N, C-alpha and C. Protein backbone atom coordinates (compact mmCIF):
# COMPACT_ATOMS: atom_id res chain seq x y z
N MET A 1 2.51 -35.46 68.88
CA MET A 1 2.23 -34.38 67.88
C MET A 1 2.00 -35.52 66.50
N LYS A 2 0.39 -35.08 66.55
CA LYS A 2 0.00 -35.11 64.78
C LYS A 2 -0.11 -34.24 63.64
N ILE A 3 0.71 -34.27 62.67
CA ILE A 3 0.70 -33.31 61.80
C ILE A 3 -0.79 -33.32 60.92
N GLN A 4 -1.22 -32.61 60.80
CA GLN A 4 -2.72 -32.50 59.83
C GLN A 4 -1.83 -32.22 58.35
N LEU A 5 -1.86 -32.98 57.55
CA LEU A 5 -1.33 -32.78 56.48
C LEU A 5 -2.05 -32.39 55.27
N HIS A 6 -3.08 -32.19 55.43
CA HIS A 6 -4.37 -32.17 55.28
C HIS A 6 -4.46 -30.47 54.56
N GLN A 7 -3.84 -29.77 55.83
CA GLN A 7 -3.52 -28.49 55.96
C GLN A 7 -2.33 -27.91 55.64
N VAL A 8 -1.28 -28.50 55.05
CA VAL A 8 -0.10 -27.94 54.68
C VAL A 8 -0.27 -27.17 53.93
N CYS A 9 -0.69 -26.98 52.83
CA CYS A 9 -0.77 -26.10 51.42
C CYS A 9 -1.42 -24.48 51.65
N THR A 10 -2.45 -24.63 52.82
CA THR A 10 -3.31 -23.61 53.08
C THR A 10 -2.63 -22.92 54.12
N GLN A 11 -1.57 -23.79 54.99
CA GLN A 11 -0.80 -23.03 56.38
C GLN A 11 0.90 -22.52 56.03
N ARG A 12 0.96 -22.64 54.64
CA ARG A 12 2.35 -22.41 54.45
C ARG A 12 2.68 -21.27 53.17
N SER A 13 3.05 -20.25 53.31
CA SER A 13 3.08 -18.92 52.38
C SER A 13 3.68 -20.07 51.05
N TRP A 14 5.15 -21.21 51.19
CA TRP A 14 5.04 -21.60 49.83
C TRP A 14 4.27 -22.17 49.27
N LYS A 15 3.49 -22.81 49.17
CA LYS A 15 2.25 -23.75 49.11
C LYS A 15 1.29 -23.47 47.92
N ARG A 16 0.65 -23.69 47.15
CA ARG A 16 -0.64 -22.97 46.45
C ARG A 16 -1.65 -23.78 47.60
N PRO A 17 -2.70 -22.76 47.84
CA PRO A 17 -3.67 -23.33 48.35
C PRO A 17 -5.30 -23.87 47.69
N TYR A 18 -5.51 -24.81 48.04
CA TYR A 18 -6.45 -25.53 48.00
C TYR A 18 -7.57 -24.86 47.53
N GLY A 19 -8.53 -24.98 46.31
CA GLY A 19 -9.90 -24.10 46.49
C GLY A 19 -10.70 -24.34 44.93
N VAL A 20 -11.39 -23.54 45.04
CA VAL A 20 -11.99 -23.36 44.06
C VAL A 20 -12.07 -21.97 43.49
N GLY A 21 -12.42 -21.36 42.06
CA GLY A 21 -12.57 -20.20 41.68
C GLY A 21 -14.04 -20.16 41.84
N LEU A 22 -14.70 -18.78 41.88
CA LEU A 22 -16.41 -18.93 41.53
C LEU A 22 -16.44 -17.62 41.07
N LEU A 23 -17.53 -17.86 40.50
CA LEU A 23 -17.85 -16.33 39.81
C LEU A 23 -19.03 -16.02 40.76
N VAL A 24 -19.47 -15.17 41.38
CA VAL A 24 -20.68 -14.53 42.01
C VAL A 24 -21.30 -13.05 40.89
N GLY A 25 -22.05 -13.12 40.71
CA GLY A 25 -23.26 -12.19 40.26
C GLY A 25 -23.74 -11.78 41.16
N GLY A 26 -24.27 -10.08 41.35
CA GLY A 26 -25.15 -9.49 41.83
C GLY A 26 -26.05 -8.14 41.28
N LEU A 27 -26.78 -8.07 42.33
CA LEU A 27 -27.55 -6.52 41.52
C LEU A 27 -27.94 -5.65 43.00
N ASP A 28 -27.40 -3.88 42.53
CA ASP A 28 -27.85 -3.50 43.71
C ASP A 28 -27.92 -2.07 42.46
N GLU A 29 -28.12 -0.81 43.76
CA GLU A 29 -28.67 0.40 42.91
C GLU A 29 -27.83 0.93 41.30
N SER A 30 -26.63 0.61 41.56
CA SER A 30 -25.79 0.86 40.15
C SER A 30 -25.70 0.11 39.60
N GLY A 31 -26.40 -1.39 39.53
CA GLY A 31 -26.42 -2.00 38.31
C GLY A 31 -25.83 -3.78 38.74
N ALA A 32 -25.86 -4.46 37.39
CA ALA A 32 -25.32 -5.36 37.64
C ALA A 32 -23.53 -5.34 37.92
N HIS A 33 -23.47 -6.90 38.69
CA HIS A 33 -22.22 -6.72 39.15
C HIS A 33 -21.37 -8.27 38.90
N LEU A 34 -20.40 -8.46 38.67
CA LEU A 34 -19.82 -10.37 38.48
C LEU A 34 -18.42 -9.77 39.03
N TYR A 35 -18.29 -10.42 40.17
CA TYR A 35 -16.82 -10.79 40.29
C TYR A 35 -16.36 -12.28 40.43
N TYR A 36 -15.28 -12.53 40.12
CA TYR A 36 -14.24 -13.68 40.23
C TYR A 36 -13.61 -13.88 41.33
N ASN A 37 -13.73 -14.94 42.12
CA ASN A 37 -13.30 -15.12 43.69
C ASN A 37 -12.23 -16.12 43.51
N PHE A 38 -10.74 -15.47 43.31
CA PHE A 38 -9.74 -16.40 43.32
C PHE A 38 -9.50 -17.42 44.80
N SER A 39 -8.98 -18.73 44.32
CA SER A 39 -9.15 -19.71 45.52
C SER A 39 -7.87 -19.01 46.37
N SER A 40 -7.32 -18.18 46.05
CA SER A 40 -6.67 -17.06 46.70
C SER A 40 -7.14 -16.15 47.94
N GLY A 41 -8.41 -16.08 47.81
CA GLY A 41 -8.59 -14.90 48.49
C GLY A 41 -9.29 -13.44 47.77
N ASN A 42 -8.18 -13.89 46.53
CA ASN A 42 -8.35 -12.29 45.96
C ASN A 42 -9.59 -12.01 44.91
N TYR A 43 -10.24 -10.83 44.71
CA TYR A 43 -11.25 -11.21 43.87
C TYR A 43 -11.53 -9.73 43.10
N PHE A 44 -11.85 -10.00 41.55
CA PHE A 44 -11.74 -8.82 41.10
C PHE A 44 -13.27 -8.49 40.07
N GLU A 45 -13.50 -7.61 40.11
CA GLU A 45 -14.96 -7.40 38.91
C GLU A 45 -14.31 -7.31 37.54
N TYR A 46 -15.78 -7.77 36.80
CA TYR A 46 -15.40 -8.06 35.75
C TYR A 46 -16.84 -7.91 34.99
N GLN A 47 -17.10 -7.05 33.94
CA GLN A 47 -18.41 -7.21 32.84
C GLN A 47 -18.59 -8.53 32.36
N ALA A 48 -17.80 -9.20 31.72
CA ALA A 48 -17.96 -10.53 31.28
C ALA A 48 -16.75 -11.57 31.50
N PHE A 49 -17.04 -13.10 31.92
CA PHE A 49 -15.74 -13.70 32.50
C PHE A 49 -16.22 -15.58 32.12
N SER A 50 -14.99 -15.91 32.30
CA SER A 50 -15.47 -17.67 32.04
C SER A 50 -14.68 -18.05 32.74
N ILE A 51 -14.59 -19.19 33.35
CA ILE A 51 -13.84 -19.97 34.06
C ILE A 51 -14.42 -21.30 33.85
N GLY A 52 -12.95 -22.42 34.18
CA GLY A 52 -13.32 -23.74 33.90
C GLY A 52 -12.77 -24.66 32.67
N ALA A 53 -12.77 -25.47 32.08
CA ALA A 53 -11.75 -25.84 31.26
C ALA A 53 -12.30 -25.61 30.05
N HIS A 54 -11.24 -25.02 28.75
CA HIS A 54 -11.63 -24.41 27.72
C HIS A 54 -11.75 -22.86 28.01
N SER A 55 -11.51 -22.15 29.44
CA SER A 55 -12.43 -20.97 29.54
C SER A 55 -12.18 -20.02 28.70
N GLN A 56 -10.74 -20.30 27.80
CA GLN A 56 -9.82 -19.03 27.28
C GLN A 56 -10.92 -18.63 25.75
N SER A 57 -11.43 -19.67 25.44
CA SER A 57 -11.66 -19.45 23.71
C SER A 57 -13.24 -18.46 24.22
N ALA A 58 -14.05 -18.89 25.48
CA ALA A 58 -15.24 -18.21 26.18
C ALA A 58 -15.07 -16.74 25.92
N LYS A 59 -13.49 -16.78 26.79
CA LYS A 59 -13.69 -15.26 27.10
C LYS A 59 -13.13 -14.59 26.17
N THR A 60 -12.39 -14.95 24.59
CA THR A 60 -11.97 -14.37 23.77
C THR A 60 -13.48 -14.04 23.29
N CYS A 61 -14.31 -14.76 22.93
CA CYS A 61 -15.26 -14.64 22.38
C CYS A 61 -16.35 -13.08 23.14
N LEU A 62 -16.36 -13.64 24.38
CA LEU A 62 -16.57 -12.40 25.28
C LEU A 62 -16.02 -11.07 24.92
N GLU A 63 -15.07 -11.14 25.00
CA GLU A 63 -14.37 -9.75 24.63
C GLU A 63 -14.24 -9.57 23.29
N CYS A 64 -14.20 -10.49 22.55
CA CYS A 64 -14.77 -9.81 20.67
C CYS A 64 -16.10 -9.06 20.37
N LYS A 65 -17.10 -9.51 21.95
CA LYS A 65 -18.17 -8.68 21.63
C LYS A 65 -18.50 -7.52 23.21
N PHE A 66 -17.63 -7.27 23.66
CA PHE A 66 -17.90 -6.69 25.00
C PHE A 66 -18.53 -5.11 24.61
N GLU A 67 -17.83 -4.58 23.87
CA GLU A 67 -18.06 -3.34 23.65
C GLU A 67 -19.89 -2.92 23.12
N SER A 68 -20.77 -3.86 22.86
CA SER A 68 -21.80 -3.55 22.48
C SER A 68 -22.76 -4.10 23.71
N PHE A 69 -21.95 -4.79 24.45
CA PHE A 69 -22.81 -5.23 25.93
C PHE A 69 -23.57 -4.10 26.52
N ALA A 70 -23.22 -3.24 26.33
CA ALA A 70 -24.18 -1.73 27.05
C ALA A 70 -25.72 -1.56 26.29
N ASN A 71 -25.47 -1.62 25.25
CA ASN A 71 -26.32 -1.17 24.61
C ASN A 71 -27.25 -2.69 24.04
N SER A 72 -27.02 -3.63 24.46
CA SER A 72 -27.43 -4.76 23.93
C SER A 72 -29.12 -5.22 25.01
N THR A 73 -29.82 -5.64 24.29
CA THR A 73 -31.09 -6.35 25.19
C THR A 73 -30.90 -7.70 25.58
N CYS A 74 -31.52 -7.67 26.46
CA CYS A 74 -31.34 -9.10 27.52
C CYS A 74 -31.23 -10.48 26.75
N ASP A 75 -32.29 -10.31 25.39
CA ASP A 75 -31.92 -11.55 24.15
C ASP A 75 -30.57 -11.60 23.98
N ASP A 76 -30.13 -10.48 23.72
CA ASP A 76 -28.72 -10.80 22.78
C ASP A 76 -27.54 -11.19 23.89
N LEU A 77 -27.88 -10.43 24.70
CA LEU A 77 -26.25 -11.08 26.33
C LEU A 77 -26.64 -12.54 26.48
N ILE A 78 -28.11 -12.87 26.21
CA ILE A 78 -28.27 -14.50 26.56
C ILE A 78 -27.64 -15.15 25.52
N LYS A 79 -27.86 -14.61 24.18
CA LYS A 79 -27.55 -15.20 23.01
C LYS A 79 -25.23 -15.28 23.18
N ASP A 80 -25.40 -14.10 23.40
CA ASP A 80 -23.69 -13.95 23.43
C ASP A 80 -22.68 -14.93 24.18
N ALA A 81 -23.75 -15.04 25.44
CA ALA A 81 -23.13 -15.76 26.40
C ALA A 81 -23.27 -17.55 26.16
N LEU A 82 -24.28 -17.95 25.44
CA LEU A 82 -24.84 -19.02 25.27
C LEU A 82 -23.56 -19.71 23.95
N PHE A 83 -23.11 -18.70 23.27
CA PHE A 83 -22.68 -18.71 22.45
C PHE A 83 -20.76 -19.34 22.51
N ALA A 84 -20.53 -18.15 23.56
CA ALA A 84 -19.18 -18.49 24.04
C ALA A 84 -19.36 -19.78 24.55
N ILE A 85 -20.14 -20.17 25.65
CA ILE A 85 -20.26 -21.51 25.90
C ILE A 85 -20.20 -22.69 24.91
N LYS A 86 -20.48 -22.24 23.79
CA LYS A 86 -20.85 -23.46 22.87
C LYS A 86 -19.63 -23.65 22.31
N GLU A 87 -18.39 -22.37 22.26
CA GLU A 87 -17.29 -22.64 21.46
C GLU A 87 -16.18 -23.08 22.38
N THR A 88 -16.69 -23.68 23.67
CA THR A 88 -15.56 -24.59 24.54
C THR A 88 -16.47 -25.78 24.36
N LEU A 89 -17.03 -25.98 23.83
CA LEU A 89 -17.69 -27.61 23.64
C LEU A 89 -16.78 -28.24 22.83
N GLN A 90 -15.90 -28.34 21.68
CA GLN A 90 -15.23 -28.94 21.40
C GLN A 90 -16.11 -30.32 20.82
N GLY A 91 -17.20 -29.75 19.75
CA GLY A 91 -17.96 -31.10 19.18
C GLY A 91 -19.11 -31.19 19.85
N GLU A 92 -19.47 -31.04 21.53
CA GLU A 92 -20.36 -31.70 21.71
C GLU A 92 -21.72 -30.88 21.57
N LYS A 93 -22.40 -30.87 22.17
CA LYS A 93 -23.69 -30.29 21.61
C LYS A 93 -24.17 -29.77 22.87
N LEU A 94 -24.48 -28.30 22.49
CA LEU A 94 -25.12 -27.32 23.78
C LEU A 94 -26.32 -27.65 24.01
N THR A 95 -26.89 -28.53 25.34
CA THR A 95 -28.39 -28.56 25.74
C THR A 95 -28.49 -28.06 26.96
N SER A 96 -30.22 -28.13 27.07
CA SER A 96 -30.08 -28.06 28.57
C SER A 96 -29.80 -28.51 29.54
N SER A 97 -29.34 -29.93 29.37
CA SER A 97 -28.78 -30.54 30.54
C SER A 97 -27.62 -30.35 31.12
N ILE A 98 -26.97 -29.53 30.13
CA ILE A 98 -25.53 -28.84 30.98
C ILE A 98 -25.16 -27.73 30.93
N CYS A 99 -26.27 -27.03 30.80
CA CYS A 99 -26.38 -25.29 30.80
C CYS A 99 -27.64 -24.80 31.33
N THR A 100 -27.42 -23.82 32.37
CA THR A 100 -28.80 -23.58 32.68
C THR A 100 -28.44 -21.83 32.65
N VAL A 101 -29.59 -20.97 32.49
CA VAL A 101 -29.02 -19.73 32.28
C VAL A 101 -30.39 -18.78 33.11
N ALA A 102 -29.70 -17.90 34.12
CA ALA A 102 -30.37 -17.66 35.06
C ALA A 102 -30.58 -15.65 34.66
N VAL A 103 -31.47 -15.35 34.98
CA VAL A 103 -31.88 -13.81 34.81
C VAL A 103 -31.75 -12.80 35.93
N VAL A 104 -31.22 -11.55 36.26
CA VAL A 104 -31.56 -10.83 37.05
C VAL A 104 -31.56 -9.11 36.56
N GLY A 105 -32.22 -8.40 36.93
CA GLY A 105 -32.25 -7.46 35.99
C GLY A 105 -32.82 -6.18 36.72
N LEU A 106 -32.54 -4.92 36.96
CA LEU A 106 -33.10 -3.67 37.62
C LEU A 106 -34.74 -4.02 37.26
N GLU A 107 -35.32 -4.24 36.58
CA GLU A 107 -36.66 -4.38 36.46
C GLU A 107 -37.19 -5.75 36.12
N GLU A 108 -36.41 -6.62 36.58
CA GLU A 108 -37.27 -8.10 36.44
C GLU A 108 -36.28 -8.75 37.61
N ASP A 109 -37.48 -9.92 38.35
CA ASP A 109 -36.56 -10.29 39.60
C ASP A 109 -35.65 -11.60 38.63
N PHE A 110 -35.06 -11.90 39.69
CA PHE A 110 -34.17 -13.09 39.50
C PHE A 110 -35.10 -14.75 38.82
N HIS A 111 -34.75 -14.94 37.59
CA HIS A 111 -35.81 -16.14 37.33
C HIS A 111 -34.55 -17.08 36.41
N ILE A 112 -35.15 -18.18 36.20
CA ILE A 112 -34.10 -19.32 35.54
C ILE A 112 -34.82 -19.79 34.30
N LEU A 113 -34.63 -19.63 33.28
CA LEU A 113 -35.04 -19.53 32.30
C LEU A 113 -35.36 -21.38 31.92
N ASP A 114 -36.39 -21.55 31.58
CA ASP A 114 -37.14 -23.77 31.29
C ASP A 114 -36.49 -23.44 29.72
N GLN A 115 -36.91 -24.77 29.40
CA GLN A 115 -36.28 -25.19 28.32
C GLN A 115 -37.23 -24.57 26.88
N LYS A 116 -38.75 -24.24 27.61
CA LYS A 116 -39.11 -23.75 26.42
C LYS A 116 -38.88 -22.26 26.07
N ALA A 117 -38.20 -21.61 27.10
CA ALA A 117 -37.91 -19.69 27.06
C ALA A 117 -37.24 -20.33 26.22
N MET A 118 -35.90 -20.93 26.21
CA MET A 118 -34.58 -20.65 25.28
C MET A 118 -34.66 -21.67 23.92
């Protein structure tokens, strides 16, 4: 009997499963939604969230401005998101080669902003 070692961590309750976290955004009749899917299979809805290296500083930036999100324009929300990303770069310059902005809303179709729009 051959043991499948690459599956051990996902088949035993005492092992941490391999996987990735995933942010999923969507839109329905009630508005925009953002879900964070954990590698364990759990998911939670957030108004603003950040994952990855140095994500805690981005979360802190987003939490500071969270109260104003409901009354913000699309441009203001994009600026807040880009500012939060910039805070995580630790000296690197924020450029379009390392960041892409996509927009979706009730009155606008999904689209990705190009370099000229930013």
